[in-house]
mmCIF file of all heavy atoms, coordinates in Angstrom:
data_MODEL
# 
_entry.id   MODEL 
# 
loop_
_atom_site.group_PDB 
_atom_site.id 
_atom_site.type_symbol 
_atom_site.label_atom_id 
_atom_site.label_alt_id 
_atom_site.label_comp_id 
_atom_site.label_asym_id 
_atom_site.label_entity_id 
_atom_site.label_seq_id 
_atom_site.pdbx_PDB_ins_code 
_atom_site.Cartn_x 
_atom_site.Cartn_y 
_atom_site.Cartn_z 
_atom_site.occupancy 
_atom_site.B_iso_or_equiv 
_atom_site.pdbx_formal_charge 
_atom_site.auth_seq_id 
_atom_site.auth_comp_id 
_atom_site.auth_asym_id 
_atom_site.auth_atom_id 
_atom_site.pdbx_PDB_model_num 
ATOM 1   N N   . ALA A 1 1  ? 5.085   13.650  -9.323  1.00 0.00 ? 1  ALA A N   1 
ATOM 2   C CA  . ALA A 1 1  ? 5.223   13.696  -7.861  1.00 0.00 ? 1  ALA A CA  1 
ATOM 3   C C   . ALA A 1 1  ? 6.121   12.576  -7.352  1.00 0.00 ? 1  ALA A C   1 
ATOM 4   O O   . ALA A 1 1  ? 6.937   12.784  -6.447  1.00 0.00 ? 1  ALA A O   1 
ATOM 5   C CB  . ALA A 1 1  ? 3.849   13.607  -7.203  1.00 0.00 ? 1  ALA A CB  1 
ATOM 6   N N   . LEU A 1 2  ? 6.021   11.396  -7.961  1.00 0.00 ? 2  LEU A N   1 
ATOM 7   C CA  . LEU A 1 2  ? 6.744   10.233  -7.444  1.00 0.00 ? 2  LEU A CA  1 
ATOM 8   C C   . LEU A 1 2  ? 8.161   10.118  -7.995  1.00 0.00 ? 2  LEU A C   1 
ATOM 9   O O   . LEU A 1 2  ? 8.838   9.117   -7.757  1.00 0.00 ? 2  LEU A O   1 
ATOM 10  C CB  . LEU A 1 2  ? 5.952   8.949   -7.734  1.00 0.00 ? 2  LEU A CB  1 
ATOM 11  C CG  . LEU A 1 2  ? 4.585   8.868   -7.040  1.00 0.00 ? 2  LEU A CG  1 
ATOM 12  C CD1 . LEU A 1 2  ? 3.959   7.501   -7.260  1.00 0.00 ? 2  LEU A CD1 1 
ATOM 13  C CD2 . LEU A 1 2  ? 4.707   9.153   -5.547  1.00 0.00 ? 2  LEU A CD2 1 
ATOM 14  N N   . LYS A 1 3  ? 8.619   11.162  -8.709  1.00 0.00 ? 3  LYS A N   1 
ATOM 15  C CA  . LYS A 1 3  ? 10.031  11.163  -9.085  1.00 0.00 ? 3  LYS A CA  1 
ATOM 16  C C   . LYS A 1 3  ? 10.908  11.489  -7.887  1.00 0.00 ? 3  LYS A C   1 
ATOM 17  O O   . LYS A 1 3  ? 12.110  11.229  -7.885  1.00 0.00 ? 3  LYS A O   1 
ATOM 18  C CB  . LYS A 1 3  ? 10.267  12.168  -10.208 1.00 0.00 ? 3  LYS A CB  1 
ATOM 19  C CG  . LYS A 1 3  ? 10.148  13.626  -9.782  1.00 0.00 ? 3  LYS A CG  1 
ATOM 20  C CD  . LYS A 1 3  ? 10.403  14.571  -10.938 1.00 0.00 ? 3  LYS A CD  1 
ATOM 21  C CE  . LYS A 1 3  ? 10.298  16.033  -10.486 1.00 0.00 ? 3  LYS A CE  1 
ATOM 22  N NZ  . LYS A 1 3  ? 10.534  16.973  -11.615 1.00 0.00 ? 3  LYS A NZ  1 
ATOM 23  N N   . HIS A 1 4  ? 10.299  12.053  -6.833  1.00 0.00 ? 4  HIS A N   1 
ATOM 24  C CA  . HIS A 1 4  ? 11.028  12.352  -5.600  1.00 0.00 ? 4  HIS A CA  1 
ATOM 25  C C   . HIS A 1 4  ? 11.143  11.074  -4.761  1.00 0.00 ? 4  HIS A C   1 
ATOM 26  O O   . HIS A 1 4  ? 10.133  10.404  -4.484  1.00 0.00 ? 4  HIS A O   1 
ATOM 27  C CB  . HIS A 1 4  ? 10.306  13.432  -4.804  1.00 0.00 ? 4  HIS A CB  1 
ATOM 28  C CG  . HIS A 1 4  ? 10.100  14.700  -5.585  1.00 0.00 ? 4  HIS A CG  1 
ATOM 29  N ND1 . HIS A 1 4  ? 11.126  15.549  -5.911  1.00 0.00 ? 4  HIS A ND1 1 
ATOM 30  C CD2 . HIS A 1 4  ? 8.970   15.244  -6.119  1.00 0.00 ? 4  HIS A CD2 1 
ATOM 31  C CE1 . HIS A 1 4  ? 10.661  16.572  -6.606  1.00 0.00 ? 4  HIS A CE1 1 
ATOM 32  N NE2 . HIS A 1 4  ? 9.343   16.420  -6.743  1.00 0.00 ? 4  HIS A NE2 1 
ATOM 33  N N   . GLY A 1 5  ? 12.351  10.753  -4.365  1.00 0.00 ? 5  GLY A N   1 
ATOM 34  C CA  . GLY A 1 5  ? 12.591  9.484   -3.674  1.00 0.00 ? 5  GLY A CA  1 
ATOM 35  C C   . GLY A 1 5  ? 11.749  9.270   -2.438  1.00 0.00 ? 5  GLY A C   1 
ATOM 36  O O   . GLY A 1 5  ? 11.188  8.190   -2.224  1.00 0.00 ? 5  GLY A O   1 
ATOM 37  N N   . ILE A 1 6  ? 11.649  10.308  -1.584  1.00 0.00 ? 6  ILE A N   1 
ATOM 38  C CA  . ILE A 1 6  ? 10.917  10.134  -0.326  1.00 0.00 ? 6  ILE A CA  1 
ATOM 39  C C   . ILE A 1 6  ? 9.434   9.900   -0.588  1.00 0.00 ? 6  ILE A C   1 
ATOM 40  O O   . ILE A 1 6  ? 8.791   9.100   0.094   1.00 0.00 ? 6  ILE A O   1 
ATOM 41  C CB  . ILE A 1 6  ? 11.126  11.358  0.601   1.00 0.00 ? 6  ILE A CB  1 
ATOM 42  C CG1 . ILE A 1 6  ? 10.436  11.139  1.946   1.00 0.00 ? 6  ILE A CG1 1 
ATOM 43  C CG2 . ILE A 1 6  ? 10.626  12.639  -0.054  1.00 0.00 ? 6  ILE A CG2 1 
ATOM 44  C CD1 . ILE A 1 6  ? 10.977  9.993   2.735   1.00 0.00 ? 6  ILE A CD1 1 
ATOM 45  N N   . LEU A 1 7  ? 8.872   10.581  -1.603  1.00 0.00 ? 7  LEU A N   1 
ATOM 46  C CA  . LEU A 1 7  ? 7.458   10.386  -1.913  1.00 0.00 ? 7  LEU A CA  1 
ATOM 47  C C   . LEU A 1 7  ? 7.219   9.006   -2.533  1.00 0.00 ? 7  LEU A C   1 
ATOM 48  O O   . LEU A 1 7  ? 6.203   8.367   -2.251  1.00 0.00 ? 7  LEU A O   1 
ATOM 49  C CB  . LEU A 1 7  ? 6.974   11.483  -2.857  1.00 0.00 ? 7  LEU A CB  1 
ATOM 50  C CG  . LEU A 1 7  ? 6.981   12.900  -2.284  1.00 0.00 ? 7  LEU A CG  1 
ATOM 51  C CD1 . LEU A 1 7  ? 6.459   13.904  -3.306  1.00 0.00 ? 7  LEU A CD1 1 
ATOM 52  C CD2 . LEU A 1 7  ? 6.143   12.977  -1.003  1.00 0.00 ? 7  LEU A CD2 1 
ATOM 53  N N   . ARG A 1 8  ? 8.178   8.559   -3.326  1.00 0.00 ? 8  ARG A N   1 
ATOM 54  C CA  . ARG A 1 8  ? 8.053   7.216   -3.907  1.00 0.00 ? 8  ARG A CA  1 
ATOM 55  C C   . ARG A 1 8  ? 8.125   6.148   -2.808  1.00 0.00 ? 8  ARG A C   1 
ATOM 56  O O   . ARG A 1 8  ? 7.403   5.156   -2.830  1.00 0.00 ? 8  ARG A O   1 
ATOM 57  C CB  . ARG A 1 8  ? 9.155   6.997   -4.946  1.00 0.00 ? 8  ARG A CB  1 
ATOM 58  C CG  . ARG A 1 8  ? 8.970   5.728   -5.762  1.00 0.00 ? 8  ARG A CG  1 
ATOM 59  C CD  . ARG A 1 8  ? 10.030  5.634   -6.860  1.00 0.00 ? 8  ARG A CD  1 
ATOM 60  N NE  . ARG A 1 8  ? 9.827   4.443   -7.676  1.00 0.00 ? 8  ARG A NE  1 
ATOM 61  C CZ  . ARG A 1 8  ? 9.022   4.386   -8.734  1.00 0.00 ? 8  ARG A CZ  1 
ATOM 62  N NH1 . ARG A 1 8  ? 8.343   5.464   -9.084  1.00 0.00 ? 8  ARG A NH1 1 
ATOM 63  N NH2 . ARG A 1 8  ? 8.903   3.261   -9.429  1.00 0.00 ? 8  ARG A NH2 1 
ATOM 64  N N   . GLU A 1 9  ? 9.005   6.378   -1.845  1.00 0.00 ? 9  GLU A N   1 
ATOM 65  C CA  . GLU A 1 9  ? 9.129   5.438   -0.726  1.00 0.00 ? 9  GLU A CA  1 
ATOM 66  C C   . GLU A 1 9  ? 7.829   5.362   0.068   1.00 0.00 ? 9  GLU A C   1 
ATOM 67  O O   . GLU A 1 9  ? 7.349   4.275   0.401   1.00 0.00 ? 9  GLU A O   1 
ATOM 68  C CB  . GLU A 1 9  ? 10.281  5.867   0.185   1.00 0.00 ? 9  GLU A CB  1 
ATOM 69  C CG  . GLU A 1 9  ? 10.487  4.970   1.391   1.00 0.00 ? 9  GLU A CG  1 
ATOM 70  C CD  . GLU A 1 9  ? 11.619  5.450   2.283   1.00 0.00 ? 9  GLU A CD  1 
ATOM 71  O OE1 . GLU A 1 9  ? 12.464  6.232   1.808   1.00 0.00 ? 9  GLU A OE1 1 
ATOM 72  O OE2 . GLU A 1 9  ? 11.634  5.052   3.462   1.00 0.00 ? 9  GLU A OE2 1 
ATOM 73  N N   . ARG A 1 10 ? 7.259   6.527   0.354   1.00 0.00 ? 10 ARG A N   1 
ATOM 74  C CA  . ARG A 1 10 ? 6.008   6.533   1.127   1.00 0.00 ? 10 ARG A CA  1 
ATOM 75  C C   . ARG A 1 10 ? 4.852   5.969   0.318   1.00 0.00 ? 10 ARG A C   1 
ATOM 76  O O   . ARG A 1 10 ? 3.947   5.336   0.872   1.00 0.00 ? 10 ARG A O   1 
ATOM 77  C CB  . ARG A 1 10 ? 5.708   7.953   1.604   1.00 0.00 ? 10 ARG A CB  1 
ATOM 78  C CG  . ARG A 1 10 ? 6.703   8.420   2.662   1.00 0.00 ? 10 ARG A CG  1 
ATOM 79  C CD  . ARG A 1 10 ? 6.401   9.808   3.181   1.00 0.00 ? 10 ARG A CD  1 
ATOM 80  N NE  . ARG A 1 10 ? 7.375   10.197  4.190   1.00 0.00 ? 10 ARG A NE  1 
ATOM 81  C CZ  . ARG A 1 10 ? 7.407   11.386  4.782   1.00 0.00 ? 10 ARG A CZ  1 
ATOM 82  N NH1 . ARG A 1 10 ? 6.501   12.306  4.460   1.00 0.00 ? 10 ARG A NH1 1 
ATOM 83  N NH2 . ARG A 1 10 ? 8.331   11.658  5.678   1.00 0.00 ? 10 ARG A NH2 1 
ATOM 84  N N   . GLN A 1 11 ? 4.863   6.197   -0.979  1.00 0.00 ? 11 GLN A N   1 
ATOM 85  C CA  . GLN A 1 11 ? 3.826   5.620   -1.818  1.00 0.00 ? 11 GLN A CA  1 
ATOM 86  C C   . GLN A 1 11 ? 3.933   4.102   -1.831  1.00 0.00 ? 11 GLN A C   1 
ATOM 87  O O   . GLN A 1 11 ? 2.924   3.401   -1.811  1.00 0.00 ? 11 GLN A O   1 
ATOM 88  C CB  . GLN A 1 11 ? 3.930   6.169   -3.244  1.00 0.00 ? 11 GLN A CB  1 
ATOM 89  C CG  . GLN A 1 11 ? 2.740   5.850   -4.136  1.00 0.00 ? 11 GLN A CG  1 
ATOM 90  C CD  . GLN A 1 11 ? 1.499   6.621   -3.743  1.00 0.00 ? 11 GLN A CD  1 
ATOM 91  O OE1 . GLN A 1 11 ? 1.553   7.543   -2.946  1.00 0.00 ? 11 GLN A OE1 1 
ATOM 92  N NE2 . GLN A 1 11 ? 0.363   6.240   -4.294  1.00 0.00 ? 11 GLN A NE2 1 
ATOM 93  N N   . ALA A 1 12 ? 5.162   3.588   -1.842  1.00 0.00 ? 12 ALA A N   1 
ATOM 94  C CA  . ALA A 1 12 ? 5.355   2.140   -1.792  1.00 0.00 ? 12 ALA A CA  1 
ATOM 95  C C   . ALA A 1 12 ? 4.815   1.569   -0.489  1.00 0.00 ? 12 ALA A C   1 
ATOM 96  O O   . ALA A 1 12 ? 4.206   0.489   -0.471  1.00 0.00 ? 12 ALA A O   1 
ATOM 97  C CB  . ALA A 1 12 ? 6.839   1.805   -1.953  1.00 0.00 ? 12 ALA A CB  1 
ATOM 98  N N   . GLU A 1 13 ? 5.036   2.277   0.618   1.00 0.00 ? 13 GLU A N   1 
ATOM 99  C CA  . GLU A 1 13 ? 4.480   1.839   1.902   1.00 0.00 ? 13 GLU A CA  1 
ATOM 100 C C   . GLU A 1 13 ? 2.955   1.802   1.840   1.00 0.00 ? 13 GLU A C   1 
ATOM 101 O O   . GLU A 1 13 ? 2.313   0.841   2.288   1.00 0.00 ? 13 GLU A O   1 
ATOM 102 C CB  . GLU A 1 13 ? 4.940   2.780   3.014   1.00 0.00 ? 13 GLU A CB  1 
ATOM 103 C CG  . GLU A 1 13 ? 6.427   2.748   3.300   1.00 0.00 ? 13 GLU A CG  1 
ATOM 104 C CD  . GLU A 1 13 ? 6.831   3.749   4.357   1.00 0.00 ? 13 GLU A CD  1 
ATOM 105 O OE1 . GLU A 1 13 ? 5.931   4.401   4.937   1.00 0.00 ? 13 GLU A OE1 1 
ATOM 106 O OE2 . GLU A 1 13 ? 8.038   3.895   4.614   1.00 0.00 ? 13 GLU A OE2 1 
ATOM 107 N N   . PHE A 1 14 ? 2.365   2.876   1.303   1.00 0.00 ? 14 PHE A N   1 
ATOM 108 C CA  . PHE A 1 14 ? 0.908   2.953   1.201   1.00 0.00 ? 14 PHE A CA  1 
ATOM 109 C C   . PHE A 1 14 ? 0.350   1.810   0.363   1.00 0.00 ? 14 PHE A C   1 
ATOM 110 O O   . PHE A 1 14 ? -0.594  1.122   0.758   1.00 0.00 ? 14 PHE A O   1 
ATOM 111 C CB  . PHE A 1 14 ? 0.505   4.303   0.593   1.00 0.00 ? 14 PHE A CB  1 
ATOM 112 C CG  . PHE A 1 14 ? -0.908  4.331   0.086   1.00 0.00 ? 14 PHE A CG  1 
ATOM 113 C CD1 . PHE A 1 14 ? -1.973  4.492   0.963   1.00 0.00 ? 14 PHE A CD1 1 
ATOM 114 C CD2 . PHE A 1 14 ? -1.177  4.182   -1.274  1.00 0.00 ? 14 PHE A CD2 1 
ATOM 115 C CE1 . PHE A 1 14 ? -3.277  4.489   0.493   1.00 0.00 ? 14 PHE A CE1 1 
ATOM 116 C CE2 . PHE A 1 14 ? -2.480  4.184   -1.740  1.00 0.00 ? 14 PHE A CE2 1 
ATOM 117 C CZ  . PHE A 1 14 ? -3.534  4.351   -0.854  1.00 0.00 ? 14 PHE A CZ  1 
ATOM 118 N N   . VAL A 1 15 ? 0.932   1.592   -0.822  1.00 0.00 ? 15 VAL A N   1 
ATOM 119 C CA  . VAL A 1 15 ? 0.419   0.565   -1.729  1.00 0.00 ? 15 VAL A CA  1 
ATOM 120 C C   . VAL A 1 15 ? 0.558   -0.825  -1.101  1.00 0.00 ? 15 VAL A C   1 
ATOM 121 O O   . VAL A 1 15 ? -0.354  -1.647  -1.168  1.00 0.00 ? 15 VAL A O   1 
ATOM 122 C CB  . VAL A 1 15 ? 1.148   0.630   -3.081  1.00 0.00 ? 15 VAL A CB  1 
ATOM 123 C CG1 . VAL A 1 15 ? 0.674   -0.510  -3.994  1.00 0.00 ? 15 VAL A CG1 1 
ATOM 124 C CG2 . VAL A 1 15 ? 0.890   1.972   -3.755  1.00 0.00 ? 15 VAL A CG2 1 
ATOM 125 N N   . THR A 1 16 ? 1.713   -1.078  -0.484  1.00 0.00 ? 16 THR A N   1 
ATOM 126 C CA  . THR A 1 16 ? 1.947   -2.389  0.132   1.00 0.00 ? 16 THR A CA  1 
ATOM 127 C C   . THR A 1 16 ? 0.895   -2.698  1.193   1.00 0.00 ? 16 THR A C   1 
ATOM 128 O O   . THR A 1 16 ? 0.267   -3.775  1.187   1.00 0.00 ? 16 THR A O   1 
ATOM 129 C CB  . THR A 1 16 ? 3.346   -2.447  0.769   1.00 0.00 ? 16 THR A CB  1 
ATOM 130 O OG1 . THR A 1 16 ? 4.325   -2.210  -0.230  1.00 0.00 ? 16 THR A OG1 1 
ATOM 131 C CG2 . THR A 1 16 ? 3.597   -3.805  1.407   1.00 0.00 ? 16 THR A CG2 1 
ATOM 132 N N   . ASP A 1 17 ? 0.676   -1.757  2.105   1.00 0.00 ? 17 ASP A N   1 
ATOM 133 C CA  . ASP A 1 17 ? -0.265  -2.021  3.199   1.00 0.00 ? 17 ASP A CA  1 
ATOM 134 C C   . ASP A 1 17 ? -1.713  -1.966  2.736   1.00 0.00 ? 17 ASP A C   1 
ATOM 135 O O   . ASP A 1 17 ? -2.576  -2.678  3.274   1.00 0.00 ? 17 ASP A O   1 
ATOM 136 C CB  . ASP A 1 17 ? -0.006  -1.046  4.341   1.00 0.00 ? 17 ASP A CB  1 
ATOM 137 C CG  . ASP A 1 17 ? 1.336   -1.307  5.015   1.00 0.00 ? 17 ASP A CG  1 
ATOM 138 O OD1 . ASP A 1 17 ? 1.759   -2.485  5.028   1.00 0.00 ? 17 ASP A OD1 1 
ATOM 139 O OD2 . ASP A 1 17 ? 1.957   -0.358  5.516   1.00 0.00 ? 17 ASP A OD2 1 
ATOM 140 N N   . ALA A 1 18 ? -2.001  -1.141  1.736   1.00 0.00 ? 18 ALA A N   1 
ATOM 141 C CA  . ALA A 1 18 ? -3.347  -1.129  1.180   1.00 0.00 ? 18 ALA A CA  1 
ATOM 142 C C   . ALA A 1 18 ? -3.668  -2.468  0.511   1.00 0.00 ? 18 ALA A C   1 
ATOM 143 O O   . ALA A 1 18 ? -4.786  -2.994  0.642   1.00 0.00 ? 18 ALA A O   1 
ATOM 144 C CB  . ALA A 1 18 ? -3.489  0.013   0.174   1.00 0.00 ? 18 ALA A CB  1 
ATOM 145 N N   . LEU A 1 19 ? -2.697  -3.033  -0.202  1.00 0.00 ? 19 LEU A N   1 
ATOM 146 C CA  . LEU A 1 19 ? -2.898  -4.345  -0.812  1.00 0.00 ? 19 LEU A CA  1 
ATOM 147 C C   . LEU A 1 19 ? -3.080  -5.428  0.250   1.00 0.00 ? 19 LEU A C   1 
ATOM 148 O O   . LEU A 1 19 ? -3.923  -6.322  0.109   1.00 0.00 ? 19 LEU A O   1 
ATOM 149 C CB  . LEU A 1 19 ? -1.705  -4.696  -1.703  1.00 0.00 ? 19 LEU A CB  1 
ATOM 150 C CG  . LEU A 1 19 ? -1.833  -4.365  -3.190  1.00 0.00 ? 19 LEU A CG  1 
ATOM 151 C CD1 . LEU A 1 19 ? -0.530  -4.697  -3.923  1.00 0.00 ? 19 LEU A CD1 1 
ATOM 152 C CD2 . LEU A 1 19 ? -2.997  -5.117  -3.822  1.00 0.00 ? 19 LEU A CD2 1 
ATOM 153 N N   . ARG A 1 20 ? -2.280  -5.365  1.318   1.00 0.00 ? 20 ARG A N   1 
ATOM 154 C CA  . ARG A 1 20 ? -2.422  -6.348  2.398   1.00 0.00 ? 20 ARG A CA  1 
ATOM 155 C C   . ARG A 1 20 ? -3.820  -6.287  3.006   1.00 0.00 ? 20 ARG A C   1 
ATOM 156 O O   . ARG A 1 20 ? -4.467  -7.321  3.240   1.00 0.00 ? 20 ARG A O   1 
ATOM 157 C CB  . ARG A 1 20 ? -1.368  -6.094  3.483   1.00 0.00 ? 20 ARG A CB  1 
ATOM 158 C CG  . ARG A 1 20 ? 0.033   -6.505  3.076   1.00 0.00 ? 20 ARG A CG  1 
ATOM 159 C CD  . ARG A 1 20 ? 1.089   -5.928  4.010   1.00 0.00 ? 20 ARG A CD  1 
ATOM 160 N NE  . ARG A 1 20 ? 2.413   -6.456  3.729   1.00 0.00 ? 20 ARG A NE  1 
ATOM 161 C CZ  . ARG A 1 20 ? 3.540   -5.917  4.158   1.00 0.00 ? 20 ARG A CZ  1 
ATOM 162 N NH1 . ARG A 1 20 ? 3.512   -4.800  4.893   1.00 0.00 ? 20 ARG A NH1 1 
ATOM 163 N NH2 . ARG A 1 20 ? 4.706   -6.463  3.855   1.00 0.00 ? 20 ARG A NH2 1 
ATOM 164 N N   . ALA A 1 21 ? -4.299  -5.070  3.276   1.00 0.00 ? 21 ALA A N   1 
ATOM 165 C CA  . ALA A 1 21 ? -5.630  -4.915  3.852   1.00 0.00 ? 21 ALA A CA  1 
ATOM 166 C C   . ALA A 1 21 ? -6.696  -5.439  2.894   1.00 0.00 ? 21 ALA A C   1 
ATOM 167 O O   . ALA A 1 21 ? -7.644  -6.125  3.304   1.00 0.00 ? 21 ALA A O   1 
ATOM 168 C CB  . ALA A 1 21 ? -5.885  -3.442  4.192   1.00 0.00 ? 21 ALA A CB  1 
ATOM 169 N N   . ALA A 1 22 ? -6.549  -5.128  1.585   1.00 0.00 ? 22 ALA A N   1 
ATOM 170 C CA  . ALA A 1 22 ? -7.527  -5.590  0.604   1.00 0.00 ? 22 ALA A CA  1 
ATOM 171 C C   . ALA A 1 22 ? -7.515  -7.113  0.476   1.00 0.00 ? 22 ALA A C   1 
ATOM 172 O O   . ALA A 1 22 ? -8.578  -7.748  0.341   1.00 0.00 ? 22 ALA A O   1 
ATOM 173 C CB  . ALA A 1 22 ? -7.230  -4.940  -0.750  1.00 0.00 ? 22 ALA A CB  1 
ATOM 174 N N   . LEU A 1 23 ? -6.335  -7.722  0.507   1.00 0.00 ? 23 LEU A N   1 
ATOM 175 C CA  . LEU A 1 23 ? -6.243  -9.184  0.437   1.00 0.00 ? 23 LEU A CA  1 
ATOM 176 C C   . LEU A 1 23 ? -6.847  -9.848  1.667   1.00 0.00 ? 23 LEU A C   1 
ATOM 177 O O   . LEU A 1 23 ? -7.464  -10.916 1.564   1.00 0.00 ? 23 LEU A O   1 
ATOM 178 C CB  . LEU A 1 23 ? -4.782  -9.597  0.257   1.00 0.00 ? 23 LEU A CB  1 
ATOM 179 C CG  . LEU A 1 23 ? -4.209  -9.362  -1.147  1.00 0.00 ? 23 LEU A CG  1 
ATOM 180 C CD1 . LEU A 1 23 ? -2.688  -9.419  -1.129  1.00 0.00 ? 23 LEU A CD1 1 
ATOM 181 C CD2 . LEU A 1 23 ? -4.770  -10.390 -2.134  1.00 0.00 ? 23 LEU A CD2 1 
ATOM 182 N N   . LEU A 1 24 ? -6.666  -9.230  2.835   1.00 0.00 ? 24 LEU A N   1 
ATOM 183 C CA  . LEU A 1 24 ? -7.293  -9.754  4.045   1.00 0.00 ? 24 LEU A CA  1 
ATOM 184 C C   . LEU A 1 24 ? -8.814  -9.688  3.934   1.00 0.00 ? 24 LEU A C   1 
ATOM 185 O O   . LEU A 1 24 ? -9.524  -10.622 4.341   1.00 0.00 ? 24 LEU A O   1 
ATOM 186 C CB  . LEU A 1 24 ? -6.811  -8.977  5.274   1.00 0.00 ? 24 LEU A CB  1 
ATOM 187 C CG  . LEU A 1 24 ? -5.463  -9.421  5.851   1.00 0.00 ? 24 LEU A CG  1 
ATOM 188 C CD1 . LEU A 1 24 ? -4.864  -8.332  6.733   1.00 0.00 ? 24 LEU A CD1 1 
ATOM 189 C CD2 . LEU A 1 24 ? -5.634  -10.715 6.658   1.00 0.00 ? 24 LEU A CD2 1 
ATOM 190 N N   . GLU A 1 25 ? -9.337  -8.608  3.371   1.00 0.00 ? 25 GLU A N   1 
ATOM 191 C CA  . GLU A 1 25 ? -10.784 -8.506  3.153   1.00 0.00 ? 25 GLU A CA  1 
ATOM 192 C C   . GLU A 1 25 ? -11.248 -9.626  2.224   1.00 0.00 ? 25 GLU A C   1 
ATOM 193 O O   . GLU A 1 25 ? -12.284 -10.262 2.461   1.00 0.00 ? 25 GLU A O   1 
ATOM 194 C CB  . GLU A 1 25 ? -11.125 -7.136  2.553   1.00 0.00 ? 25 GLU A CB  1 
ATOM 195 C CG  . GLU A 1 25 ? -10.847 -5.952  3.467   1.00 0.00 ? 25 GLU A CG  1 
ATOM 196 C CD  . GLU A 1 25 ? -11.959 -5.702  4.461   1.00 0.00 ? 25 GLU A CD  1 
ATOM 197 O OE1 . GLU A 1 25 ? -13.038 -6.312  4.323   1.00 0.00 ? 25 GLU A OE1 1 
ATOM 198 O OE2 . GLU A 1 25 ? -11.756 -4.893  5.388   1.00 0.00 ? 25 GLU A OE2 1 
ATOM 199 N N   . TRP A 1 26 ? -10.492 -9.858  1.151   1.00 0.00 ? 26 TRP A N   1 
ATOM 200 C CA  . TRP A 1 26 ? -10.832 -10.925 0.208   1.00 0.00 ? 26 TRP A CA  1 
ATOM 201 C C   . TRP A 1 26 ? -10.789 -12.305 0.883   1.00 0.00 ? 26 TRP A C   1 
ATOM 202 O O   . TRP A 1 26 ? -11.593 -13.192 0.564   1.00 0.00 ? 26 TRP A O   1 
ATOM 203 C CB  . TRP A 1 26 ? -9.839  -10.888 -0.968  1.00 0.00 ? 26 TRP A CB  1 
ATOM 204 C CG  . TRP A 1 26 ? -9.970  -12.035 -1.913  1.00 0.00 ? 26 TRP A CG  1 
ATOM 205 C CD1 . TRP A 1 26 ? -10.926 -12.219 -2.877  1.00 0.00 ? 26 TRP A CD1 1 
ATOM 206 C CD2 . TRP A 1 26 ? -9.099  -13.167 -1.985  1.00 0.00 ? 26 TRP A CD2 1 
ATOM 207 N NE1 . TRP A 1 26 ? -10.717 -13.408 -3.550  1.00 0.00 ? 26 TRP A NE1 1 
ATOM 208 C CE2 . TRP A 1 26 ? -9.595  -14.009 -3.018  1.00 0.00 ? 26 TRP A CE2 1 
ATOM 209 C CE3 . TRP A 1 26 ? -7.957  -13.557 -1.297  1.00 0.00 ? 26 TRP A CE3 1 
ATOM 210 C CZ2 . TRP A 1 26 ? -8.970  -15.204 -3.362  1.00 0.00 ? 26 TRP A CZ2 1 
ATOM 211 C CZ3 . TRP A 1 26 ? -7.339  -14.748 -1.633  1.00 0.00 ? 26 TRP A CZ3 1 
ATOM 212 C CH2 . TRP A 1 26 ? -7.853  -15.564 -2.662  1.00 0.00 ? 26 TRP A CH2 1 
ATOM 213 N N   . ALA A 1 27 ? -9.867  -12.454 1.852   1.00 0.00 ? 27 ALA A N   1 
ATOM 214 C CA  . ALA A 1 27 ? -9.711  -13.736 2.546   1.00 0.00 ? 27 ALA A CA  1 
ATOM 215 C C   . ALA A 1 27 ? -10.738 -13.952 3.651   1.00 0.00 ? 27 ALA A C   1 
ATOM 216 O O   . ALA A 1 27 ? -10.728 -15.000 4.305   1.00 0.00 ? 27 ALA A O   1 
ATOM 217 C CB  . ALA A 1 27 ? -8.302  -13.840 3.124   1.00 0.00 ? 27 ALA A CB  1 
ATOM 218 N N   . GLY A 1 28 ? -11.630 -12.957 3.894   1.00 0.00 ? 28 GLY A N   1 
ATOM 219 C CA  . GLY A 1 28 ? -12.705 -13.163 4.860   1.00 0.00 ? 28 GLY A CA  1 
ATOM 220 C C   . GLY A 1 28 ? -12.540 -12.440 6.177   1.00 0.00 ? 28 GLY A C   1 
ATOM 221 O O   . GLY A 1 28 ? -13.115 -12.862 7.184   1.00 0.00 ? 28 GLY A O   1 
ATOM 222 N N   . TYR A 1 29 ? -11.798 -11.337 6.191   1.00 0.00 ? 29 TYR A N   1 
ATOM 223 C CA  . TYR A 1 29 ? -11.560 -10.576 7.417   1.00 0.00 ? 29 TYR A CA  1 
ATOM 224 C C   . TYR A 1 29 ? -12.066 -9.139  7.260   1.00 0.00 ? 29 TYR A C   1 
ATOM 225 O O   . TYR A 1 29 ? -11.948 -8.537  6.188   1.00 0.00 ? 29 TYR A O   1 
ATOM 226 C CB  . TYR A 1 29 ? -10.073 -10.539 7.762   1.00 0.00 ? 29 TYR A CB  1 
ATOM 227 C CG  . TYR A 1 29 ? -9.523  -11.851 8.275   1.00 0.00 ? 29 TYR A CG  1 
ATOM 228 C CD1 . TYR A 1 29 ? -9.212  -12.887 7.395   1.00 0.00 ? 29 TYR A CD1 1 
ATOM 229 C CD2 . TYR A 1 29 ? -9.325  -12.071 9.633   1.00 0.00 ? 29 TYR A CD2 1 
ATOM 230 C CE1 . TYR A 1 29 ? -8.720  -14.100 7.851   1.00 0.00 ? 29 TYR A CE1 1 
ATOM 231 C CE2 . TYR A 1 29 ? -8.828  -13.275 10.105  1.00 0.00 ? 29 TYR A CE2 1 
ATOM 232 C CZ  . TYR A 1 29 ? -8.524  -14.289 9.206   1.00 0.00 ? 29 TYR A CZ  1 
ATOM 233 O OH  . TYR A 1 29 ? -8.038  -15.489 9.673   1.00 0.00 ? 29 TYR A OH  1 
ATOM 234 N N   . ASP A 1 30 ? -12.633 -8.605  8.340   1.00 0.00 ? 30 ASP A N   1 
ATOM 235 C CA  . ASP A 1 30 ? -12.899 -7.172  8.425   1.00 0.00 ? 30 ASP A CA  1 
ATOM 236 C C   . ASP A 1 30 ? -11.615 -6.518  8.896   1.00 0.00 ? 30 ASP A C   1 
ATOM 237 O O   . ASP A 1 30 ? -11.063 -6.877  9.945   1.00 0.00 ? 30 ASP A O   1 
ATOM 238 C CB  . ASP A 1 30 ? -14.032 -6.884  9.416   1.00 0.00 ? 30 ASP A CB  1 
ATOM 239 C CG  . ASP A 1 30 ? -15.388 -7.338  8.888   1.00 0.00 ? 30 ASP A CG  1 
ATOM 240 O OD1 . ASP A 1 30 ? -15.639 -7.154  7.686   1.00 0.00 ? 30 ASP A OD1 1 
ATOM 241 O OD2 . ASP A 1 30 ? -16.197 -7.876  9.678   1.00 0.00 ? 30 ASP A OD2 1 
# 
């Protein structure tokens, strides 16, 4: 699925923001 450029781009957006949210949770934020 991620061989398609647009899907890979959107997956990168998802992973980036999901990691940011998870790191904020780890840092003590809801």
